[in-house]
Amino acid sequence: MNNVSNLKGLKIAATDGSIGTVTDFLFDDEIWTLRWIVVDTGTWLSVRKVLLPVSVLGHPDTCARSFPVRLTMAKVKDSPAIDTHEPVSRQHEERMYGYYNMSPYWGNGFYMGGYGGWSAGMSEAHYADSRRRQDELYALRHQDDDLHLRSNNAVTGYNLHATDCSIGHVEGFLIDDTDWTIRFLAVDTKNWWPGKHVLI
Protein backbone atom coordinates (compact mmCIF):
# COMPACT_ATOMS: atom_id res chain seq x y z
CA MET A 1 0.00 0.00 0.00
CA ASN A 2 1.11 3.52 -0.74
CA ASN A 3 -0.49 6.87 -0.05
CA VAL A 4 -0.67 8.75 -3.34
CA SER A 5 0.54 11.90 -1.57
CA ASN A 6 3.83 10.09 -0.80
CA LEU A 7 4.40 9.50 -4.51
CA LYS A 8 3.98 13.10 -5.58
CA GLY A 9 7.29 14.82 -6.07
CA LEU A 10 9.17 11.57 -6.76
CA LYS A 11 11.73 11.86 -9.54
CA ILE A 12 10.83 9.90 -12.64
CA ALA A 13 13.84 7.82 -13.69
CA ALA A 14 13.84 6.77 -17.32
CA THR A 15 16.23 4.03 -18.42
CA ASP A 16 18.80 6.65 -19.42
CA GLY A 17 18.22 9.63 -17.13
CA SER A 18 15.81 11.72 -15.07
CA ILE A 19 12.80 13.19 -16.88
CA GLY A 20 10.91 15.11 -14.21
CA THR A 21 8.71 14.71 -11.15
CA VAL A 22 5.28 13.27 -10.37
CA THR A 23 2.61 15.96 -9.99
CA ASP A 24 -0.69 14.09 -10.29
CA PHE A 25 -2.44 10.81 -11.10
CA LEU A 26 -5.53 10.25 -13.24
CA PHE A 27 -7.85 7.48 -12.11
CA ASP A 28 -10.97 5.79 -13.44
CA ASP A 29 -13.77 6.62 -10.99
CA GLU A 30 -15.86 3.68 -12.18
CA ILE A 31 -13.45 0.91 -11.20
CA TRP A 32 -11.13 2.97 -8.94
CA THR A 33 -7.89 2.25 -10.78
CA LEU A 34 -5.02 4.60 -11.65
CA ARG A 35 -4.58 4.98 -15.41
CA TRP A 36 -2.04 7.75 -15.99
CA ILE A 37 0.72 9.55 -14.17
CA VAL A 38 1.22 13.27 -14.82
CA VAL A 39 4.89 14.26 -14.98
CA ASP A 40 6.25 17.80 -14.85
CA THR A 41 9.39 17.72 -16.98
CA GLY A 42 10.64 21.05 -15.63
CA THR A 43 13.14 22.87 -17.81
CA TRP A 44 14.11 19.69 -19.66
CA LEU A 45 11.09 20.05 -22.00
CA SER A 46 10.41 23.78 -21.49
CA VAL A 47 8.11 23.29 -18.50
CA ARG A 48 5.99 20.76 -20.35
CA LYS A 49 3.82 18.12 -18.72
CA VAL A 50 3.45 14.61 -20.11
CA LEU A 51 1.24 11.60 -19.42
CA LEU A 52 2.73 8.17 -18.80
CA PRO A 53 0.61 4.99 -18.65
CA VAL A 54 0.89 3.18 -15.32
CA SER A 55 1.90 0.02 -17.21
CA VAL A 56 5.40 1.49 -17.71
CA LEU A 57 5.92 2.22 -14.01
CA GLY A 58 8.32 0.25 -11.87
CA HIS A 59 8.15 -0.04 -8.09
CA PRO A 60 8.44 3.37 -6.38
CA ASP A 61 11.39 3.88 -4.03
CA THR A 62 10.09 6.41 -1.50
CA CYS A 63 13.37 6.39 0.44
CA ALA A 64 15.40 7.38 -2.64
CA ARG A 65 12.50 9.58 -3.84
CA SER A 66 12.68 7.83 -7.22
CA PHE A 67 10.12 6.27 -9.54
CA PRO A 68 11.60 4.09 -12.33
CA VAL A 69 9.84 3.84 -15.70
CA ARG A 70 10.52 1.48 -18.58
CA LEU A 71 10.98 4.23 -21.16
CA THR A 72 13.86 6.20 -22.61
CA MET A 73 14.13 9.96 -22.35
CA ALA A 74 13.70 10.24 -26.13
CA LYS A 75 10.44 8.27 -26.01
CA VAL A 76 9.04 10.66 -23.40
CA LYS A 77 10.34 13.72 -25.24
CA ASP A 78 8.47 12.82 -28.44
CA SER A 79 5.19 11.90 -26.72
CA PRO A 80 1.98 13.83 -27.58
CA ALA A 81 1.58 17.07 -25.60
CA ILE A 82 -1.30 17.52 -23.16
CA ASP A 83 -3.16 20.48 -21.74
CA THR A 84 -3.48 19.76 -18.02
CA HIS A 85 -6.10 22.51 -17.69
CA GLU A 86 -8.52 20.55 -19.88
CA PRO A 87 -10.11 17.12 -19.29
CA VAL A 88 -8.21 14.26 -20.92
CA SER A 89 -10.45 12.99 -23.72
CA ARG A 90 -10.75 9.38 -24.82
CA GLN A 91 -9.38 10.55 -28.16
CA HIS A 92 -6.20 11.79 -26.51
CA GLU A 93 -5.90 8.54 -24.58
CA GLU A 94 -6.16 6.68 -27.90
CA ARG A 95 -3.30 8.76 -29.29
CA MET A 96 -1.20 8.13 -26.21
CA TYR A 97 -1.71 4.37 -26.35
CA GLY A 98 -1.00 4.45 -30.07
CA TYR A 99 2.23 6.34 -29.48
CA TYR A 100 3.39 3.88 -26.82
CA ASN A 101 2.20 0.98 -29.02
CA MET A 102 -0.08 -0.39 -26.31
CA SER A 103 -3.67 -1.59 -26.42
CA PRO A 104 -6.17 0.67 -24.62
CA TYR A 105 -7.35 -0.55 -21.23
CA TRP A 106 -11.02 -0.34 -22.28
CA GLY A 107 -10.66 -3.12 -24.87
CA ASN A 108 -11.24 -3.06 -28.59
CA GLY A 109 -11.93 0.31 -30.12
CA PHE A 110 -10.45 2.92 -32.38
CA TYR A 111 -6.75 2.15 -32.24
CA MET A 112 -4.24 2.77 -34.96
CA GLY A 113 -0.97 1.54 -33.48
CA GLY A 114 1.73 4.18 -33.71
CA TYR A 115 1.17 7.83 -33.06
CA GLY A 116 -1.16 9.29 -35.66
CA GLY A 117 -0.71 6.54 -38.23
CA TRP A 118 2.33 8.09 -39.93
CA SER A 119 3.71 5.98 -42.78
CA ALA A 120 6.85 6.19 -44.87
CA GLY A 121 6.58 8.55 -47.83
CA MET A 122 3.60 10.44 -46.39
CA SER A 123 3.93 14.22 -46.75
CA GLU A 124 3.25 16.50 -43.79
CA ALA A 125 0.19 17.97 -45.54
CA HIS A 126 -1.18 14.50 -46.32
CA TYR A 127 -0.50 13.37 -42.75
CA ALA A 128 -2.27 16.44 -41.28
CA ASP A 129 -5.30 15.90 -43.54
CA SER A 130 -5.42 12.21 -42.68
CA ARG A 131 -5.12 12.96 -38.98
CA ARG A 132 -7.95 15.53 -39.19
CA ARG A 133 -10.30 13.05 -40.91
CA GLN A 134 -9.47 10.37 -38.35
CA ASP A 135 -10.12 12.80 -35.49
CA GLU A 136 -13.49 13.79 -36.94
CA LEU A 137 -14.50 10.14 -37.41
CA TYR A 138 -13.38 9.27 -33.89
CA ALA A 139 -15.27 12.23 -32.38
CA LEU A 140 -18.44 11.15 -34.20
CA ARG A 141 -18.17 7.55 -33.02
CA HIS A 142 -17.47 8.49 -29.41
CA GLN A 143 -19.49 11.65 -28.89
CA ASP A 144 -21.68 9.92 -26.31
CA ASP A 145 -18.84 8.30 -24.35
CA ASP A 146 -19.11 8.74 -20.60
CA LEU A 147 -15.56 9.51 -19.46
CA HIS A 148 -14.55 8.46 -15.98
CA LEU A 149 -11.04 9.90 -15.65
CA ARG A 150 -10.53 12.07 -12.59
CA SER A 151 -7.54 13.98 -11.28
CA ASN A 152 -6.29 12.90 -7.88
CA ASN A 153 -5.40 16.53 -7.12
CA ALA A 154 -8.87 17.73 -8.05
CA VAL A 155 -10.78 15.11 -6.04
CA THR A 156 -8.71 15.55 -2.88
CA GLY A 157 -10.80 17.82 -0.67
CA TYR A 158 -14.17 16.64 -2.03
CA ASN A 159 -16.89 16.35 0.62
CA LEU A 160 -18.11 12.85 1.45
CA HIS A 161 -21.79 12.22 2.12
CA ALA A 162 -23.03 9.14 3.93
CA THR A 163 -26.62 8.04 3.41
CA ASP A 164 -27.72 10.26 6.29
CA CYS A 165 -25.26 13.18 6.48
CA SER A 166 -21.92 14.68 5.48
CA ILE A 167 -19.02 12.85 7.17
CA GLY A 168 -15.96 14.85 6.12
CA HIS A 169 -13.71 15.32 3.12
CA VAL A 170 -11.26 13.26 1.06
CA GLU A 171 -7.79 13.63 2.49
CA GLY A 172 -5.94 11.09 0.39
CA PHE A 173 -5.92 7.79 -1.48
CA LEU A 174 -4.28 4.50 -0.53
CA ILE A 175 -3.27 2.48 -3.57
CA ASP A 176 -1.96 -1.01 -4.18
CA ASP A 177 1.12 -0.50 -6.34
CA THR A 178 1.01 -4.06 -7.69
CA ASP A 179 -2.08 -3.36 -9.81
CA TRP A 180 -2.56 0.42 -9.22
CA THR A 181 -6.03 0.06 -7.73
CA ILE A 182 -7.34 2.49 -5.14
CA ARG A 183 -8.12 0.43 -2.03
CA PHE A 184 -9.10 3.12 0.47
CA LEU A 185 -10.03 6.76 0.74
CA ALA A 186 -8.46 8.55 3.68
CA VAL A 187 -11.10 10.81 5.20
CA ASP A 188 -10.79 13.74 7.58
CA THR A 189 -13.96 13.88 9.68
CA LYS A 190 -13.08 17.03 11.66
CA ASN A 191 -16.34 18.84 10.86
CA TRP A 192 -18.39 15.94 12.22
CA TRP A 193 -16.09 13.85 14.43
CA PRO A 194 -13.23 16.13 15.56
CA GLY A 195 -9.73 14.71 15.57
CA LYS A 196 -10.60 11.55 13.63
CA HIS A 197 -9.15 10.29 10.38
CA VAL A 198 -10.73 7.16 8.94
CA LEU A 199 -10.33 4.85 5.96
CA ILE A 200 -13.25 3.97 3.72
C-alpha atoms as a PDB file:
ATOM      1  CA  MET A   1       0.000   0.000   0.000  1.00  0.00           C
ATOM      2  CA  ASN A   2       1.112   3.522  -0.742  1.00  0.00           C
ATOM      3  CA  ASN A   3      -0.489   6.873  -0.047  1.00  0.00           C
ATOM      4  CA  VAL A   4      -0.674   8.750  -3.337  1.00  0.00           C
ATOM      5  CA  SER A   5       0.537  11.896  -1.574  1.00  0.00           C
ATOM      6  CA  ASN A   6       3.825  10.094  -0.798  1.00  0.00           C
ATOM      7  CA  LEU A   7       4.395   9.502  -4.509  1.00  0.00           C
ATOM      8  CA  LYS A   8       3.981  13.104  -5.579  1.00  0.00           C
ATOM      9  CA  GLY A   9       7.294  14.817  -6.071  1.00  0.00           C
ATOM     10  CA  LEU A  10       9.169  11.573  -6.757  1.00  0.00           C
ATOM     11  CA  LYS A  11      11.729  11.865  -9.538  1.00  0.00           C
ATOM     12  CA  ILE A  12      10.835   9.899 -12.641  1.00  0.00           C
ATOM     13  CA  ALA A  13      13.841   7.824 -13.686  1.00  0.00           C
ATOM     14  CA  ALA A  14      13.843   6.773 -17.324  1.00  0.00           C
ATOM     15  CA  THR A  15      16.225   4.031 -18.418  1.00  0.00           C
ATOM     16  CA  ASP A  16      18.805   6.651 -19.424  1.00  0.00           C
ATOM     17  CA  GLY A  17      18.224   9.628 -17.126  1.00  0.00           C
ATOM     18  CA  SER A  18      15.813  11.725 -15.067  1.00  0.00           C
ATOM     19  CA  ILE A  19      12.800  13.190 -16.882  1.00  0.00           C
ATOM     20  CA  GLY A  20      10.907  15.111 -14.210  1.00  0.00           C
ATOM     21  CA  THR A  21       8.708  14.711 -11.148  1.00  0.00           C
ATOM     22  CA  VAL A  22       5.280  13.271 -10.371  1.00  0.00           C
ATOM     23  CA  THR A  23       2.609  15.957  -9.988  1.00  0.00           C
ATOM     24  CA  ASP A  24      -0.691  14.086 -10.294  1.00  0.00           C
ATOM     25  CA  PHE A  25      -2.440  10.810 -11.097  1.00  0.00           C
ATOM     26  CA  LEU A  26      -5.528  10.251 -13.237  1.00  0.00           C
ATOM     27  CA  PHE A  27      -7.849   7.482 -12.110  1.00  0.00           C
ATOM     28  CA  ASP A  28     -10.969   5.785 -13.439  1.00  0.00           C
ATOM     29  CA  ASP A  29     -13.770   6.620 -10.985  1.00  0.00           C
ATOM     30  CA  GLU A  30     -15.861   3.676 -12.179  1.00  0.00           C
ATOM     31  CA  ILE A  31     -13.452   0.906 -11.198  1.00  0.00           C
ATOM     32  CA  TRP A  32     -11.126   2.966  -8.941  1.00  0.00           C
ATOM     33  CA  THR A  33      -7.891   2.255 -10.785  1.00  0.00           C
ATOM     34  CA  LEU A  34      -5.023   4.604 -11.649  1.00  0.00           C
ATOM     35  CA  ARG A  35      -4.576   4.976 -15.406  1.00  0.00           C
ATOM     36  CA  TRP A  36      -2.044   7.753 -15.989  1.00  0.00           C
ATOM     37  CA  ILE A  37       0.717   9.553 -14.171  1.00  0.00           C
ATOM     38  CA  VAL A  38       1.221  13.271 -14.818  1.00  0.00           C
ATOM     39  CA  VAL A  39       4.889  14.265 -14.982  1.00  0.00           C
ATOM     40  CA  ASP A  40       6.246  17.801 -14.848  1.00  0.00           C
ATOM     41  CA  THR A  41       9.393  17.721 -16.982  1.00  0.00           C
ATOM     42  CA  GLY A  42      10.641  21.051 -15.632  1.00  0.00           C
ATOM     43  CA  THR A  43      13.139  22.875 -17.814  1.00  0.00           C
ATOM     44  CA  TRP A  44      14.108  19.687 -19.659  1.00  0.00           C
ATOM     45  CA  LEU A  45      11.088  20.049 -21.997  1.00  0.00           C
ATOM     46  CA  SER A  46      10.411  23.777 -21.487  1.00  0.00           C
ATOM     47  CA  VAL A  47       8.112  23.291 -18.495  1.00  0.00           C
ATOM     48  CA  ARG A  48       5.989  20.757 -20.353  1.00  0.00           C
ATOM     49  CA  LYS A  49       3.817  18.118 -18.717  1.00  0.00           C
ATOM     50  CA  VAL A  50       3.447  14.606 -20.105  1.00  0.00           C
ATOM     51  CA  LEU A  51       1.238  11.598 -19.420  1.00  0.00           C
ATOM     52  CA  LEU A  52       2.732   8.171 -18.800  1.00  0.00           C
ATOM     53  CA  PRO A  53       0.610   4.990 -18.648  1.00  0.00           C
ATOM     54  CA  VAL A  54       0.886   3.177 -15.320  1.00  0.00           C
ATOM     55  CA  SER A  55       1.896   0.020 -17.212  1.00  0.00           C
ATOM     56  CA  VAL A  56       5.404   1.489 -17.711  1.00  0.00           C
ATOM     57  CA  LEU A  57       5.925   2.224 -14.011  1.00  0.00           C
ATOM     58  CA  GLY A  58       8.319   0.248 -11.867  1.00  0.00           C
ATOM     59  CA  HIS A  59       8.150  -0.036  -8.089  1.00  0.00           C
ATOM     60  CA  PRO A  60       8.441   3.374  -6.381  1.00  0.00           C
ATOM     61  CA  ASP A  61      11.389   3.883  -4.033  1.00  0.00           C
ATOM     62  CA  THR A  62      10.088   6.406  -1.500  1.00  0.00           C
ATOM     63  CA  CYS A  63      13.368   6.394   0.437  1.00  0.00           C
ATOM     64  CA  ALA A  64      15.397   7.383  -2.635  1.00  0.00           C
ATOM     65  CA  ARG A  65      12.499   9.577  -3.843  1.00  0.00           C
ATOM     66  CA  SER A  66      12.684   7.827  -7.215  1.00  0.00           C
ATOM     67  CA  PHE A  67      10.116   6.265  -9.535  1.00  0.00           C
ATOM     68  CA  PRO A  68      11.603   4.094 -12.332  1.00  0.00           C
ATOM     69  CA  VAL A  69       9.844   3.838 -15.704  1.00  0.00           C
ATOM     70  CA  ARG A  70      10.518   1.476 -18.584  1.00  0.00           C
ATOM     71  CA  LEU A  71      10.976   4.233 -21.160  1.00  0.00           C
ATOM     72  CA  THR A  72      13.857   6.197 -22.613  1.00  0.00           C
ATOM     73  CA  MET A  73      14.134   9.964 -22.354  1.00  0.00           C
ATOM     74  CA  ALA A  74      13.701  10.239 -26.131  1.00  0.00           C
ATOM     75  CA  LYS A  75      10.437   8.275 -26.014  1.00  0.00           C
ATOM     76  CA  VAL A  76       9.041  10.655 -23.397  1.00  0.00           C
ATOM     77  CA  LYS A  77      10.343  13.723 -25.236  1.00  0.00           C
ATOM     78  CA  ASP A  78       8.467  12.818 -28.441  1.00  0.00           C
ATOM     79  CA  SER A  79       5.189  11.905 -26.722  1.00  0.00           C
ATOM     80  CA  PRO A  80       1.984  13.833 -27.581  1.00  0.00           C
ATOM     81  CA  ALA A  81       1.583  17.068 -25.602  1.00  0.00           C
ATOM     82  CA  ILE A  82      -1.298  17.516 -23.165  1.00  0.00           C
ATOM     83  CA  ASP A  83      -3.163  20.482 -21.742  1.00  0.00           C
ATOM     84  CA  THR A  84      -3.481  19.758 -18.022  1.00  0.00           C
ATOM     85  CA  HIS A  85      -6.096  22.512 -17.688  1.00  0.00           C
ATOM     86  CA  GLU A  86      -8.515  20.549 -19.877  1.00  0.00           C
ATOM     87  CA  PRO A  87     -10.110  17.122 -19.290  1.00  0.00           C
ATOM     88  CA  VAL A  88      -8.211  14.260 -20.922  1.00  0.00           C
ATOM     89  CA  SER A  89     -10.445  12.993 -23.715  1.00  0.00           C
ATOM     90  CA  ARG A  90     -10.752   9.376 -24.815  1.00  0.00           C
ATOM     91  CA  GLN A  91      -9.378  10.555 -28.156  1.00  0.00           C
ATOM     92  CA  HIS A  92      -6.198  11.787 -26.515  1.00  0.00           C
ATOM     93  CA  GLU A  93      -5.898   8.544 -24.582  1.00  0.00           C
ATOM     94  CA  GLU A  94      -6.156   6.682 -27.900  1.00  0.00           C
ATOM     95  CA  ARG A  95      -3.300   8.759 -29.287  1.00  0.00           C
ATOM     96  CA  MET A  96      -1.196   8.131 -26.213  1.00  0.00           C
ATOM     97  CA  TYR A  97      -1.706   4.365 -26.351  1.00  0.00           C
ATOM     98  CA  GLY A  98      -0.996   4.452 -30.072  1.00  0.00           C
ATOM     99  CA  TYR A  99       2.234   6.340 -29.478  1.00  0.00           C
ATOM    100  CA  TYR A 100       3.389   3.878 -26.816  1.00  0.00           C
ATOM    101  CA  ASN A 101       2.205   0.983 -29.016  1.00  0.00           C
ATOM    102  CA  MET A 102      -0.078  -0.389 -26.310  1.00  0.00           C
ATOM    103  CA  SER A 103      -3.666  -1.587 -26.418  1.00  0.00           C
ATOM    104  CA  PRO A 104      -6.173   0.675 -24.624  1.00  0.00           C
ATOM    105  CA  TYR A 105      -7.352  -0.555 -21.233  1.00  0.00           C
ATOM    106  CA  TRP A 106     -11.016  -0.336 -22.281  1.00  0.00           C
ATOM    107  CA  GLY A 107     -10.661  -3.118 -24.871  1.00  0.00           C
ATOM    108  CA  ASN A 108     -11.241  -3.062 -28.595  1.00  0.00           C
ATOM    109  CA  GLY A 109     -11.930   0.312 -30.117  1.00  0.00           C
ATOM    110  CA  PHE A 110     -10.453   2.920 -32.381  1.00  0.00           C
ATOM    111  CA  TYR A 111      -6.751   2.151 -32.241  1.00  0.00           C
ATOM    112  CA  MET A 112      -4.240   2.772 -34.963  1.00  0.00           C
ATOM    113  CA  GLY A 113      -0.971   1.544 -33.477  1.00  0.00           C
ATOM    114  CA  GLY A 114       1.733   4.177 -33.709  1.00  0.00           C
ATOM    115  CA  TYR A 115       1.168   7.834 -33.062  1.00  0.00           C
ATOM    116  CA  GLY A 116      -1.163   9.290 -35.657  1.00  0.00           C
ATOM    117  CA  GLY A 117      -0.707   6.542 -38.234  1.00  0.00           C
ATOM    118  CA  TRP A 118       2.333   8.091 -39.931  1.00  0.00           C
ATOM    119  CA  SER A 119       3.706   5.982 -42.776  1.00  0.00           C
ATOM    120  CA  ALA A 120       6.846   6.193 -44.865  1.00  0.00           C
ATOM    121  CA  GLY A 121       6.579   8.554 -47.830  1.00  0.00           C
ATOM    122  CA  MET A 122       3.602  10.439 -46.387  1.00  0.00           C
ATOM    123  CA  SER A 123       3.927  14.217 -46.751  1.00  0.00           C
ATOM    124  CA  GLU A 124       3.247  16.501 -43.789  1.00  0.00           C
ATOM    125  CA  ALA A 125       0.195  17.967 -45.539  1.00  0.00           C
ATOM    126  CA  HIS A 126      -1.180  14.505 -46.320  1.00  0.00           C
ATOM    127  CA  TYR A 127      -0.500  13.375 -42.748  1.00  0.00           C
ATOM    128  CA  ALA A 128      -2.274  16.442 -41.281  1.00  0.00           C
ATOM    129  CA  ASP A 129      -5.296  15.900 -43.540  1.00  0.00           C
ATOM    130  CA  SER A 130      -5.421  12.212 -42.678  1.00  0.00           C
ATOM    131  CA  ARG A 131      -5.117  12.965 -38.976  1.00  0.00           C
ATOM    132  CA  ARG A 132      -7.955  15.526 -39.195  1.00  0.00           C
ATOM    133  CA  ARG A 133     -10.297  13.051 -40.909  1.00  0.00           C
ATOM    134  CA  GLN A 134      -9.473  10.369 -38.354  1.00  0.00           C
ATOM    135  CA  ASP A 135     -10.118  12.802 -35.494  1.00  0.00           C
ATOM    136  CA  GLU A 136     -13.492  13.786 -36.935  1.00  0.00           C
ATOM    137  CA  LEU A 137     -14.495  10.144 -37.408  1.00  0.00           C
ATOM    138  CA  TYR A 138     -13.384   9.269 -33.888  1.00  0.00           C
ATOM    139  CA  ALA A 139     -15.271  12.227 -32.378  1.00  0.00           C
ATOM    140  CA  LEU A 140     -18.444  11.155 -34.201  1.00  0.00           C
ATOM    141  CA  ARG A 141     -18.170   7.554 -33.017  1.00  0.00           C
ATOM    142  CA  HIS A 142     -17.466   8.487 -29.409  1.00  0.00           C
ATOM    143  CA  GLN A 143     -19.490  11.655 -28.894  1.00  0.00           C
ATOM    144  CA  ASP A 144     -21.683   9.923 -26.306  1.00  0.00           C
ATOM    145  CA  ASP A 145     -18.842   8.302 -24.352  1.00  0.00           C
ATOM    146  CA  ASP A 146     -19.105   8.739 -20.597  1.00  0.00           C
ATOM    147  CA  LEU A 147     -15.557   9.512 -19.459  1.00  0.00           C
ATOM    148  CA  HIS A 148     -14.548   8.462 -15.980  1.00  0.00           C
ATOM    149  CA  LEU A 149     -11.045   9.896 -15.652  1.00  0.00           C
ATOM    150  CA  ARG A 150     -10.526  12.066 -12.585  1.00  0.00           C
ATOM    151  CA  SER A 151      -7.543  13.976 -11.279  1.00  0.00           C
ATOM    152  CA  ASN A 152      -6.295  12.901  -7.882  1.00  0.00           C
ATOM    153  CA  ASN A 153      -5.397  16.527  -7.124  1.00  0.00           C
ATOM    154  CA  ALA A 154      -8.873  17.732  -8.054  1.00  0.00           C
ATOM    155  CA  VAL A 155     -10.784  15.114  -6.039  1.00  0.00           C
ATOM    156  CA  THR A 156      -8.706  15.552  -2.877  1.00  0.00           C
ATOM    157  CA  GLY A 157     -10.800  17.822  -0.675  1.00  0.00           C
ATOM    158  CA  TYR A 158     -14.166  16.645  -2.034  1.00  0.00           C
ATOM    159  CA  ASN A 159     -16.886  16.352   0.615  1.00  0.00           C
ATOM    160  CA  LEU A 160     -18.108  12.850   1.447  1.00  0.00           C
ATOM    161  CA  HIS A 161     -21.786  12.224   2.117  1.00  0.00           C
ATOM    162  CA  ALA A 162     -23.025   9.138   3.932  1.00  0.00           C
ATOM    163  CA  THR A 163     -26.624   8.042   3.407  1.00  0.00           C
ATOM    164  CA  ASP A 164     -27.723  10.264   6.286  1.00  0.00           C
ATOM    165  CA  CYS A 165     -25.261  13.184   6.480  1.00  0.00           C
ATOM    166  CA  SER A 166     -21.924  14.675   5.483  1.00  0.00           C
ATOM    167  CA  ILE A 167     -19.020  12.851   7.167  1.00  0.00           C
ATOM    168  CA  GLY A 168     -15.956  14.849   6.124  1.00  0.00           C
ATOM    169  CA  HIS A 169     -13.707  15.320   3.116  1.00  0.00           C
ATOM    170  CA  VAL A 170     -11.262  13.258   1.059  1.00  0.00           C
ATOM    171  CA  GLU A 171      -7.785  13.631   2.495  1.00  0.00           C
ATOM    172  CA  GLY A 172      -5.943  11.088   0.386  1.00  0.00           C
ATOM    173  CA  PHE A 173      -5.917   7.788  -1.485  1.00  0.00           C
ATOM    174  CA  LEU A 174      -4.282   4.497  -0.528  1.00  0.00           C
ATOM    175  CA  ILE A 175      -3.267   2.481  -3.568  1.00  0.00           C
ATOM    176  CA  ASP A 176      -1.965  -1.009  -4.177  1.00  0.00           C
ATOM    177  CA  ASP A 177       1.118  -0.501  -6.340  1.00  0.00           C
ATOM    178  CA  THR A 178       1.006  -4.061  -7.689  1.00  0.00           C
ATOM    179  CA  ASP A 179      -2.084  -3.356  -9.813  1.00  0.00           C
ATOM    180  CA  TRP A 180      -2.564   0.419  -9.216  1.00  0.00           C
ATOM    181  CA  THR A 181      -6.032   0.058  -7.735  1.00  0.00           C
ATOM    182  CA  ILE A 182      -7.342   2.487  -5.140  1.00  0.00           C
ATOM    183  CA  ARG A 183      -8.115   0.432  -2.026  1.00  0.00           C
ATOM    184  CA  PHE A 184      -9.104   3.122   0.473  1.00  0.00           C
ATOM    185  CA  LEU A 185     -10.033   6.764   0.736  1.00  0.00           C
ATOM    186  CA  ALA A 186      -8.459   8.552   3.679  1.00  0.00           C
ATOM    187  CA  VAL A 187     -11.103  10.808   5.198  1.00  0.00           C
ATOM    188  CA  ASP A 188     -10.786  13.739   7.581  1.00  0.00           C
ATOM    189  CA  THR A 189     -13.963  13.876   9.677  1.00  0.00           C
ATOM    190  CA  LYS A 190     -13.082  17.034  11.661  1.00  0.00           C
ATOM    191  CA  ASN A 191     -16.335  18.836  10.860  1.00  0.00           C
ATOM    192  CA  TRP A 192     -18.390  15.936  12.218  1.00  0.00           C
ATOM    193  CA  TRP A 193     -16.090  13.849  14.428  1.00  0.00           C
ATOM    194  CA  PRO A 194     -13.234  16.134  15.558  1.00  0.00           C
ATOM    195  CA  GLY A 195      -9.727  14.710  15.571  1.00  0.00           C
ATOM    196  CA  LYS A 196     -10.603  11.548  13.629  1.00  0.00           C
ATOM    197  CA  HIS A 197      -9.150  10.290  10.375  1.00  0.00           C
ATOM    198  CA  VAL A 198     -10.730   7.160   8.941  1.00  0.00           C
ATOM    199  CA  LEU A 199     -10.327   4.853   5.960  1.00  0.00           C
ATOM    200  CA  ILE A 200     -13.252   3.968   3.721  1.00  0.00           C
END
